[in-house]
C-alpha atoms as a PDB file:
ATOM      1  CA  MET A   1      87.194 -97.065 141.274  1.00  0.00           C
ATOM      2  CA  TYR A   2      86.338-100.217 140.449  1.00  0.00           C
ATOM      3  CA  ILE A   3      88.540-103.740 138.760  1.00  0.00           C
ATOM      4  CA  LYS A   4      88.524-104.479 134.910  1.00  0.00           C
ATOM      5  CA  TRP A   5      89.125-107.823 134.759  1.00  0.00           C
ATOM      6  CA  ARG A   6      90.593-108.165 130.784  1.00  0.00           C
ATOM      7  CA  MET A   7      91.193-111.384 129.209  1.00  0.00           C
ATOM      8  CA  GLU A   8      94.399-112.103 126.790  1.00  0.00           C
ATOM      9  CA  GLN A   9      95.403-114.910 125.298  1.00  0.00           C
ATOM     10  CA  LEU A  10      98.988-116.459 124.707  1.00  0.00           C
ATOM     11  CA  ARG A  11     100.224-116.956 122.122  1.00  0.00           C
ATOM     12  CA  ASP A  12     101.746-119.674 122.657  1.00  0.00           C
ATOM     13  CA  ARG A  13     101.539-123.600 122.198  1.00  0.00           C
ATOM     14  CA  THR A  14      99.299-124.322 125.518  1.00  0.00           C
ATOM     15  CA  ARG A  15      96.837-121.503 124.839  1.00  0.00           C
ATOM     16  CA  SER A  16      96.322-120.443 127.955  1.00  0.00           C
ATOM     17  CA  THR A  17      94.293-117.342 128.980  1.00  0.00           C
ATOM     18  CA  VAL A  18      95.533-114.753 131.310  1.00  0.00           C
ATOM     19  CA  ILE A  19      93.695-112.674 133.805  1.00  0.00           C
ATOM     20  CA  ARG A  20      94.470-109.418 133.977  1.00  0.00           C
ATOM     21  CA  ALA A  21      93.270-107.178 136.961  1.00  0.00           C
ATOM     22  CA  GLN A  22      92.799-103.645 136.635  1.00  0.00           C
ATOM     23  CA  ILE A  23      91.937 -99.931 138.569  1.00  0.00           C
ATOM     24  CA  VAL A  24      89.546 -98.316 136.703  1.00  0.00           C
ATOM     25  CA  ARG A  25      87.736 -94.406 137.544  1.00  0.00           C
ATOM     26  CA  SER A  26      84.778 -93.441 135.869  1.00  0.00           C
ATOM     27  CA  TYR A  27      84.311 -89.628 135.570  1.00  0.00           C
ATOM     28  CA  ARG A  28      81.784 -87.860 132.997  1.00  0.00           C
ATOM     29  CA  ALA A  29      83.113 -85.494 130.853  1.00  0.00           C
ATOM     30  CA  PRO A  30      83.430 -82.193 131.080  1.00  0.00           C
ATOM     31  CA  VAL A  31      82.211 -81.155 127.607  1.00  0.00           C
ATOM     32  CA  THR A  32      80.029 -83.831 126.464  1.00  0.00           C
ATOM     33  CA  ARG A  33      79.449 -84.713 129.996  1.00  0.00           C
ATOM     34  CA  ARG A  34      79.255 -88.426 128.179  1.00  0.00           C
ATOM     35  CA  VAL A  35      80.512 -91.340 131.298  1.00  0.00           C
ATOM     36  CA  ARG A  36      84.468 -92.844 130.158  1.00  0.00           C
ATOM     37  CA  SER A  37      87.012 -94.397 131.868  1.00  0.00           C
ATOM     38  CA  GLN A  38      90.644 -93.843 133.627  1.00  0.00           C
ATOM     39  CA  PHE A  39      93.314 -96.323 133.797  1.00  0.00           C
ATOM     40  CA  ILE A  40      94.688 -95.887 137.702  1.00  0.00           C
ATOM     41  CA  SER A  41      96.714 -98.779 137.723  1.00  0.00           C
ATOM     42  CA  TYR A  42      97.378-102.438 136.940  1.00  0.00           C
ATOM     43  CA  LEU A  43      97.016-105.045 139.758  1.00  0.00           C
ATOM     44  CA  ALA A  44      98.449-108.143 139.176  1.00  0.00           C
ATOM     45  CA  SER A  45      97.543-111.328 136.522  1.00  0.00           C
ATOM     46  CA  ILE A  46      97.163-114.480 137.017  1.00  0.00           C
ATOM     47  CA  LYS A  47      96.336-117.568 134.337  1.00  0.00           C
ATOM     48  CA  GLU A  48      93.209-118.911 134.199  1.00  0.00           C
ATOM     49  CA  CYS A  49      93.870-122.301 134.697  1.00  0.00           C
ATOM     50  CA  HIS A  50      95.753-121.364 137.931  1.00  0.00           C
ATOM     51  CA  CYS A  51      92.877-119.584 139.552  1.00  0.00           C
ATOM     52  CA  ASP A  52      92.360-122.734 141.399  1.00  0.00           C
ATOM     53  CA  LEU A  53      96.712-123.174 142.658  1.00  0.00           C
ATOM     54  CA  PRO A  54      97.570-121.691 146.075  1.00  0.00           C
ATOM     55  CA  ILE A  55     101.136-121.272 144.480  1.00  0.00           C
ATOM     56  CA  ALA A  56      99.515-118.784 142.073  1.00  0.00           C
ATOM     57  CA  GLN A  57      97.327-117.415 144.260  1.00  0.00           C
ATOM     58  CA  GLU A  58     100.055-116.160 146.064  1.00  0.00           C
ATOM     59  CA  ARG A  59     102.232-114.560 143.955  1.00  0.00           C
ATOM     60  CA  PHE A  60      98.992-113.017 142.229  1.00  0.00           C
ATOM     61  CA  TRP A  61      97.661-111.912 145.916  1.00  0.00           C
ATOM     62  CA  ARG A  62     101.899-111.117 147.099  1.00  0.00           C
ATOM     63  CA  GLU A  63     101.665-108.163 143.822  1.00  0.00           C
ATOM     64  CA  VAL A  64      98.671-107.247 145.058  1.00  0.00           C
ATOM     65  CA  ASP A  65      99.937-106.159 148.434  1.00  0.00           C
ATOM     66  CA  ILE A  66     102.272-104.375 146.727  1.00  0.00           C
ATOM     67  CA  LYS A  67     100.585-102.530 144.553  1.00  0.00           C
ATOM     68  CA  LEU A  68      97.564-101.699 146.479  1.00  0.00           C
ATOM     69  CA  ALA A  69     100.262-100.184 149.438  1.00  0.00           C
ATOM     70  CA  ARG A  70     102.116 -97.391 146.819  1.00  0.00           C
ATOM     71  CA  LEU A  71      98.605 -96.229 145.355  1.00  0.00           C
ATOM     72  CA  SER A  72      97.928 -95.685 149.619  1.00  0.00           C
ATOM     73  CA  LEU A  73      94.288 -95.259 148.813  1.00  0.00           C
ATOM     74  CA  ALA A  74      91.262 -94.696 150.701  1.00  0.00           C
ATOM     75  CA  PRO A  75      90.677 -97.964 152.958  1.00  0.00           C
ATOM     76  CA  ASP A  76      86.751 -97.993 152.112  1.00  0.00           C
ATOM     77  CA  ASP A  77      87.462 -98.097 148.570  1.00  0.00           C
ATOM     78  CA  GLU A  78      90.839-100.735 149.352  1.00  0.00           C
ATOM     79  CA  GLN A  79      88.670-102.778 151.201  1.00  0.00           C
ATOM     80  CA  ARG A  80      85.676-102.814 148.843  1.00  0.00           C
ATOM     81  CA  ILE A  81      88.905-103.404 145.957  1.00  0.00           C
ATOM     82  CA  ARG A  82      90.542-106.323 147.815  1.00  0.00           C
ATOM     83  CA  GLU A  83      86.165-107.803 147.818  1.00  0.00           C
ATOM     84  CA  LYS A  84      86.013-107.942 143.998  1.00  0.00           C
ATOM     85  CA  LEU A  85      89.330-109.929 143.554  1.00  0.00           C
ATOM     86  CA  LEU A  86      87.999-112.389 145.907  1.00  0.00           C
ATOM     87  CA  GLU A  87      84.946-112.805 143.720  1.00  0.00           C
ATOM     88  CA  LYS A  88      87.782-114.188 141.120  1.00  0.00           C
ATOM     89  CA  VAL A  89      90.618-115.578 142.897  1.00  0.00           C
ATOM     90  CA  PRO A  90      90.488-116.753 145.882  1.00  0.00           C
ATOM     91  CA  ARG A  91      93.071-115.770 148.599  1.00  0.00           C
ATOM     92  CA  PRO A  92      95.431-118.792 150.963  1.00  0.00           C
ATOM     93  CA  ARG A  93      95.155-119.267 153.693  1.00  0.00           C
ATOM     94  CA  GLY A  94      98.415-120.171 155.049  1.00  0.00           C
ATOM     95  CA  TRP A  95     101.564-121.722 153.889  1.00  0.00           C
ATOM     96  CA  ALA A  96     100.242-124.930 154.996  1.00  0.00           C
ATOM     97  CA  GLU A  97      97.704-124.548 152.658  1.00  0.00           C
ATOM     98  CA  ILE A  98      99.711-123.338 149.368  1.00  0.00           C
ATOM     99  CA  LEU A  99     102.376-126.307 150.219  1.00  0.00           C
ATOM    100  CA  ALA A 100     100.070-129.190 150.881  1.00  0.00           C
ATOM    101  CA  PRO A 101     100.263-130.037 146.962  1.00  0.00           C
ATOM    102  CA  TYR A 102     104.198-130.485 146.954  1.00  0.00           C
ATOM    103  CA  ALA A 103     104.356-132.284 150.652  1.00  0.00           C
ATOM    104  CA  ARG A 104     101.815-135.283 149.547  1.00  0.00           C
ATOM    105  CA  PHE A 105     103.948-135.562 145.653  1.00  0.00           C
ATOM    106  CA  ALA A 106     107.294-135.845 147.584  1.00  0.00           C
ATOM    107  CA  ARG A 107     105.239-137.728 150.129  1.00  0.00           C
ATOM    108  CA  GLU A 108     104.438-139.882 147.161  1.00  0.00           C
ATOM    109  CA  ARG A 109     107.864-140.090 145.347  1.00  0.00           C
ATOM    110  CA  ALA A 110     109.439-141.229 148.222  1.00  0.00           C
ATOM    111  CA  GLY A 111     107.752-143.842 149.446  1.00  0.00           C
ATOM    112  CA  VAL A 112     106.007-142.298 152.517  1.00  0.00           C
ATOM    113  CA  ARG A 113     102.436-142.877 153.227  1.00  0.00           C
END
């Protein structure tokens, strides 16, 4: 099993790109002996421009955790999948990191340093 990243451009006015993570497995077709891919499951998606935002990363990883729990894969397969996802979308370390940009904005708006 491996992760397949699909990139799709949205048709909205921003023309932003969405990255979708899917689990796919390779197999060899019995008759032709050609290598084929089989879609296993969709995991999560995130806008490409939001890959650096901790709140978007948290939403992405929450969705991944739910989907992987439902799939009940072997622990080593699940670990390998998580490592591949981490290469593209980092996981926030905690709520302090997630809320830091918003707290900074609230302090600036209130005039507090």
